[in-house]
Amino acid sequence: MNNLNILYEDNHLIVVEKKPNILCQGDYTKDLDLLAMIKSYLKEKYQKPGNVYLGLVHRLDRPVGGIMVFAKTSKSASRLSKMIQNHEMVKEYLLVCYGNLNKKGIMEDYIEKVNEKSIITNKKQGKYAKLEYELIKKHNNLNLVKVNLITGRHHQIRLQFASRGCPLYGDQLYGKEDRKQIALFAYHLKFKHPVKDEVMDFTLMPKGGIWSEFNEDTK
């Protein structure tokens, strides 16, 4: 069943771990994507004939790993999308970056997508982008940072940190071309269930690679 790490599933939604370098949704590369993997799993598990509905309500960049929620009904998809639009879904990330950071801070910019990259621009051309961060630990010349993503713009975290002289470790688009795996992971997702009166709260820590140098702080 496609080797999925399923964190939660009910009739309305499914929460899974997206592995680094897996596409959220299929593109021109025709590489296997997470949406197709989950659809295949659901089709097999429930022996569904025909197409399986699965709503993609948020995304992670291809090289980025972490927790994602998918909607199993159009009703759930609509409600989850509205939560994201209203900033009612908590999306927290861990990252490793270079440079010097204050202990805590807020980054606010206007971001415009240009081809496959994004740039910081002005209010007239770009979309408002905001995040909050906290420096957890410094190790050698690297920083372990926790980010609360307030908005969800294209390459937002990567661009905002790089623009302040703190490119992410392994970011080959906005940082140093060191050919390492990018150190950005969506480790915490919290939201109100779209149908039930429950708060859904998921945490998953990154492992291996550069994360192992901070393993006591990512447990």
Protein backbone atom coordinates (compact mmCIF):
# COMPACT_ATOMS: atom_id res chain seq x y z
CA MET A 1 0.00 0.00 0.00
CA ASN A 2 2.65 2.49 -1.13
CA ASN A 3 4.51 2.52 2.19
CA LEU A 4 2.43 5.39 3.61
CA ASN A 5 2.94 6.63 7.16
CA ILE A 6 -0.69 7.34 8.14
CA LEU A 7 -1.02 9.38 11.33
CA TYR A 8 -4.83 9.48 11.39
CA GLU A 9 -7.78 8.50 9.24
CA ASP A 10 -11.57 8.67 9.48
CA ASN A 11 -14.45 9.07 7.03
CA HIS A 12 -13.73 12.76 6.52
CA LEU A 13 -9.97 13.18 6.33
CA ILE A 14 -6.60 11.48 6.33
CA VAL A 15 -3.37 12.80 7.88
CA VAL A 16 -0.09 11.45 6.53
CA GLU A 17 3.63 12.08 6.51
CA LYS A 18 4.95 13.47 3.25
CA LYS A 19 8.45 12.13 2.69
CA PRO A 20 11.06 14.60 1.39
CA ASN A 21 11.38 14.79 -2.41
CA ILE A 22 7.91 13.36 -3.05
CA LEU A 23 5.50 15.57 -5.01
CA CYS A 24 2.24 16.58 -3.35
CA GLN A 25 0.47 16.39 -6.70
CA GLY A 26 1.53 15.09 -10.10
CA ASP A 27 3.31 17.41 -12.53
CA TYR A 28 5.15 17.32 -15.87
CA THR A 29 7.80 14.96 -14.45
CA LYS A 30 5.22 12.15 -14.15
CA ASP A 31 6.96 11.13 -10.89
CA LEU A 32 4.88 9.34 -8.28
CA ASP A 33 3.04 11.85 -6.07
CA LEU A 34 1.49 11.70 -2.62
CA LEU A 35 -2.04 12.43 -3.83
CA ALA A 36 -1.92 9.43 -6.18
CA MET A 37 -0.36 7.23 -3.49
CA ILE A 38 -3.16 7.98 -1.02
CA LYS A 39 -5.85 7.51 -3.68
CA SER A 40 -4.36 4.12 -4.50
CA TYR A 41 -4.31 3.19 -0.80
CA LEU A 42 -7.96 4.22 -0.33
CA LYS A 43 -9.08 2.43 -3.48
CA GLU A 44 -7.41 -0.79 -2.34
CA LYS A 45 -8.44 -0.58 1.32
CA TYR A 46 -12.11 0.15 0.67
CA GLN A 47 -12.30 -1.68 -2.68
CA LYS A 48 -13.73 1.41 -4.34
CA PRO A 49 -14.71 1.20 -8.00
CA GLY A 50 -13.86 4.11 -10.28
CA ASN A 51 -12.16 7.30 -9.16
CA VAL A 52 -11.48 8.08 -5.50
CA TYR A 53 -12.15 11.62 -4.23
CA LEU A 54 -9.28 13.19 -2.33
CA GLY A 55 -9.00 16.92 -1.71
CA LEU A 56 -5.57 18.62 -1.66
CA VAL A 57 -6.07 21.61 0.68
CA HIS A 58 -2.45 22.66 1.30
CA ARG A 59 0.98 21.90 -0.11
CA LEU A 60 4.61 21.35 0.81
CA ASP A 61 7.47 22.02 -1.61
CA ARG A 62 8.78 18.86 -3.22
CA PRO A 63 12.03 18.66 -1.18
CA VAL A 64 10.21 19.40 2.10
CA GLY A 65 8.87 16.67 4.37
CA GLY A 66 6.28 16.73 7.12
CA ILE A 67 2.63 16.40 8.11
CA MET A 68 -0.18 16.96 5.63
CA VAL A 69 -3.97 16.61 5.85
CA PHE A 70 -6.09 15.55 2.87
CA ALA A 71 -9.90 15.73 2.67
CA LYS A 72 -11.87 12.60 1.84
CA THR A 73 -15.07 14.51 1.05
CA SER A 74 -15.78 17.79 -0.76
CA LYS A 75 -17.47 19.12 2.40
CA SER A 76 -14.31 18.54 4.45
CA ALA A 77 -12.15 20.01 1.69
CA SER A 78 -14.21 23.20 1.65
CA ARG A 79 -14.10 23.60 5.43
CA LEU A 80 -10.39 22.83 5.73
CA SER A 81 -9.60 25.28 2.92
CA LYS A 82 -11.61 27.97 4.69
CA MET A 83 -9.68 27.36 7.94
CA ILE A 84 -6.43 27.87 6.06
CA GLN A 85 -7.70 31.04 4.40
CA ASN A 86 -8.77 32.39 7.81
CA HIS A 87 -5.42 31.40 9.41
CA GLU A 88 -7.21 29.00 11.78
CA MET A 89 -4.91 26.06 11.07
CA VAL A 90 -1.66 25.95 13.05
CA LYS A 91 1.25 25.00 10.77
CA GLU A 92 4.62 24.86 12.50
CA TYR A 93 7.95 23.94 10.96
CA LEU A 94 11.45 23.10 12.07
CA LEU A 95 14.37 24.31 9.99
CA VAL A 96 18.13 24.54 10.06
CA CYS A 97 19.67 27.68 8.62
CA TYR A 98 22.91 29.66 8.44
CA GLY A 99 23.46 33.22 9.65
CA ASN A 100 22.67 35.22 12.76
CA LEU A 101 19.17 35.40 14.19
CA ASN A 102 17.57 37.05 17.20
CA LYS A 103 16.11 34.70 19.80
CA LYS A 104 12.59 35.45 18.54
CA GLY A 105 11.22 37.44 15.68
CA ILE A 106 8.55 38.16 13.09
CA MET A 107 9.16 38.32 9.34
CA GLU A 108 6.75 40.31 7.19
CA ASP A 109 7.10 40.88 3.45
CA TYR A 110 5.21 41.01 0.18
CA ILE A 111 6.04 38.09 -2.08
CA GLU A 112 5.54 37.65 -5.80
CA LYS A 113 5.91 34.35 -7.65
CA VAL A 114 8.08 34.67 -10.75
CA ASN A 115 8.33 31.48 -12.79
CA GLU A 116 9.59 28.74 -10.43
CA LYS A 117 10.95 31.14 -7.81
CA SER A 118 9.51 33.86 -5.61
CA ILE A 119 10.86 37.33 -4.92
CA ILE A 120 10.25 39.95 -2.27
CA THR A 121 8.45 42.89 -3.83
CA ASN A 122 6.05 45.67 -2.83
CA LYS A 123 2.48 45.76 -1.56
CA LYS A 124 1.07 46.56 -5.01
CA GLN A 125 2.62 43.56 -6.77
CA GLY A 126 3.00 40.93 -4.07
CA LYS A 127 0.96 38.99 -1.53
CA TYR A 128 1.37 39.64 2.19
CA ALA A 129 3.57 37.04 3.90
CA LYS A 130 4.07 36.66 7.65
CA LEU A 131 5.75 34.16 9.94
CA GLU A 132 6.95 34.02 13.53
CA TYR A 133 10.12 32.22 14.56
CA GLU A 134 12.01 31.13 17.66
CA LEU A 135 15.68 30.16 17.74
CA ILE A 136 15.94 26.87 19.62
CA LYS A 137 19.66 26.16 19.45
CA LYS A 138 22.90 27.16 17.73
CA HIS A 139 25.36 24.45 16.72
CA ASN A 140 28.61 25.30 14.97
CA ASN A 141 27.52 27.84 12.35
CA LEU A 142 23.96 26.52 12.13
CA ASN A 143 20.67 27.43 13.80
CA LEU A 144 17.78 25.16 14.72
CA VAL A 145 14.62 27.26 14.39
CA LYS A 146 10.91 26.75 15.02
CA VAL A 147 8.56 28.62 12.67
CA ASN A 148 4.86 29.37 13.01
CA LEU A 149 3.69 29.99 9.45
CA ILE A 150 0.90 32.59 9.50
CA THR A 151 0.41 32.83 5.74
CA GLY A 152 1.30 30.20 3.16
CA ARG A 153 2.97 31.83 0.17
CA HIS A 154 5.06 30.12 -2.50
CA HIS A 155 8.48 29.27 -1.01
CA GLN A 156 7.71 31.72 1.80
CA ILE A 157 9.88 30.35 4.60
CA ARG A 158 12.83 29.67 2.30
CA LEU A 159 12.69 33.12 0.73
CA GLN A 160 12.13 35.13 3.91
CA PHE A 161 15.04 33.52 5.74
CA ALA A 162 17.37 33.72 2.72
CA SER A 163 16.55 37.39 2.18
CA ARG A 164 17.78 38.12 5.71
CA GLY A 165 21.11 36.40 5.21
CA CYS A 166 19.96 33.15 6.80
CA PRO A 167 19.47 30.66 3.95
CA LEU A 168 18.22 27.21 4.86
CA TYR A 169 20.67 24.35 5.00
CA GLY A 170 20.45 22.44 1.73
CA ASP A 171 18.25 24.98 -0.06
CA GLN A 172 19.59 24.78 -3.61
CA LEU A 173 17.20 27.45 -4.90
CA TYR A 174 17.65 30.31 -2.44
CA GLY A 175 20.73 29.23 -0.52
CA LYS A 176 24.13 27.63 -0.98
CA GLU A 177 24.58 25.04 -3.71
CA ASP A 178 25.86 22.36 -1.34
CA ARG A 179 23.65 19.59 -2.81
CA LYS A 180 22.40 18.56 0.61
CA GLN A 181 18.82 17.68 1.55
CA ILE A 182 16.95 20.82 2.58
CA ALA A 183 16.42 21.09 6.34
CA LEU A 184 12.77 22.15 6.47
CA PHE A 185 10.10 19.95 8.02
CA ALA A 186 6.40 20.53 8.77
CA TYR A 187 6.43 18.95 12.23
CA HIS A 188 3.23 20.25 13.85
CA LEU A 189 -0.30 20.55 12.45
CA LYS A 190 -3.32 21.56 14.53
CA PHE A 191 -6.86 22.32 13.41
CA LYS A 192 -10.51 21.83 14.28
CA HIS A 193 -12.02 18.73 12.74
CA PRO A 194 -14.17 19.83 9.78
CA VAL A 195 -17.17 17.77 10.94
CA LYS A 196 -16.67 16.57 14.51
CA ASP A 197 -16.36 18.82 17.55
CA GLU A 198 -12.73 17.84 18.10
CA VAL A 199 -9.33 19.50 17.90
CA MET A 200 -6.88 17.52 15.78
CA ASP A 201 -3.27 17.89 16.94
CA PHE A 202 -0.34 16.10 15.29
CA THR A 203 3.41 16.26 15.91
CA LEU A 204 6.13 14.41 14.00
CA MET A 205 9.85 15.06 14.38
CA PRO A 206 12.41 14.89 11.55
CA LYS A 207 15.16 12.30 11.78
CA GLY A 208 18.53 11.60 10.22
CA GLY A 209 20.81 13.84 8.20
CA ILE A 210 21.53 17.26 9.65
CA TRP A 211 18.67 16.79 12.13
CA SER A 212 20.77 14.21 13.99
CA GLU A 213 23.13 17.00 15.06
CA PHE A 214 20.20 18.56 16.93
CA ASN A 215 18.50 15.29 17.90
CA GLU A 216 18.11 16.15 21.58
CA ASP A 217 16.19 19.27 20.54
CA THR A 218 13.97 17.61 17.96
CA LYS A 219 12.59 14.88 20.18
